[in-house]
Amino acid sequence: MDEPVHNGQSARLREIIEAAAAEPALPMAVVHPVDAASIAGAARAADAGLIEALLVGPERRLRRAAEEAEVDIDGFSLFDTEHSHASARRAVELVRTGEARGLLKGKLHTDELITAVLAETAGLRTGRRLSHVFVMDVPAYDRPLLITDAAVNIAPSLDDKVDILSNAIDLALALGIHEPKAAILCAVETVNSSMPCTVEAAALCKMADRGQIENAKVDGPLAFDNAVDLEAARTKGIRSEVAGRANILVAPDLEAGNMLAKQLEYMAGAQAAGIVVGARVPIALTSRADDEVSRMASCAVASLLLARQREQADDR
């Protein structure tokens, strides 16, 4: 998936789904899928061979949601719980025991799920901070685009951004993007001591130069226009391997990242898959507004990331 030519709506997300379908089905705990959209998305992903769905939630509500969605869940493993908090804890337990190798968010708040994942007893933490990545298919852009962080880290520090960037680079590599190009977004493309974002961007670039951040070209600060448009970069006199060609956009904070991703989705016709990385297993996040392709693509992204992690473990 290294910068393919765009050939139709959601073409890149469908490429991700096709690539993941060649991998073994990912045993995934589907956390509290008590509405039609989330249980249908899990069922479709299972039908496509992307996941082995382990449904975690109140059984009565799961069956009602399946009936509403007109999907058959009789062949799935069901884990009955009392409420959403219990569903999150039970799903994490399935990962801890090895029954599940990934998590898929159903109808519960993201913070409920993340709190369960980060619990000291969960055993899902790694040396990295958790962060969220949108994998975007933007019709007007000639390459895949990852936006981070738009859902987990509200006001990340410089140390947080090191993990956020490193997580996104690992995901880009898992998606077949060779030597990703990461732009550290700010409002301007010059370092200004009164704008901390620009100082942090410069620090991240120097860290990449010194090998503290690996496997990607990193540049910043860059404004959005000169991060994604070559002509805008040339007009500003920016000479960079990243400017105008970015695969990864690192937002200054959650609000900026979230607004950027949703603007692309609702005003530029983009489609997105969402995933949380940095834990021991991938966590696929979906929203109520996601269509079937986006939900399946989130599962597919999780599968490809886990496949890369397995490869790295085998190489050690």
Foldseek 3Di string as FASTA:
>chain_A
DALAFDDDACPLLVVLLVVLLVPAAFAEEEAAQLAQQSLVLVQVLVVSRNHQYAYFEAVVSSVVRCVVNVHDCPVHHYHHDDDRLRSLLVRLVCVVVPVGQEYEYHPDDPVSNVVNLPDPVSQWADPADKAKWKFKDFNVARGIAIEIHAHDFAQDDLVNVLRGVLQVLLLCVLSVHFQAEEEEEDQAFDQDPVGVSQVSLVVSQVCDVVVVRDRHHYGDDDHPCQQQQVVVCVVVVHDGPRGNPHRYYYYNGNVVRNVVVVCSVPPRVMAIWMWMDRTSAIYTYDDPPHDSSNSSSSSSSRSSSVVVVVVVVVVD
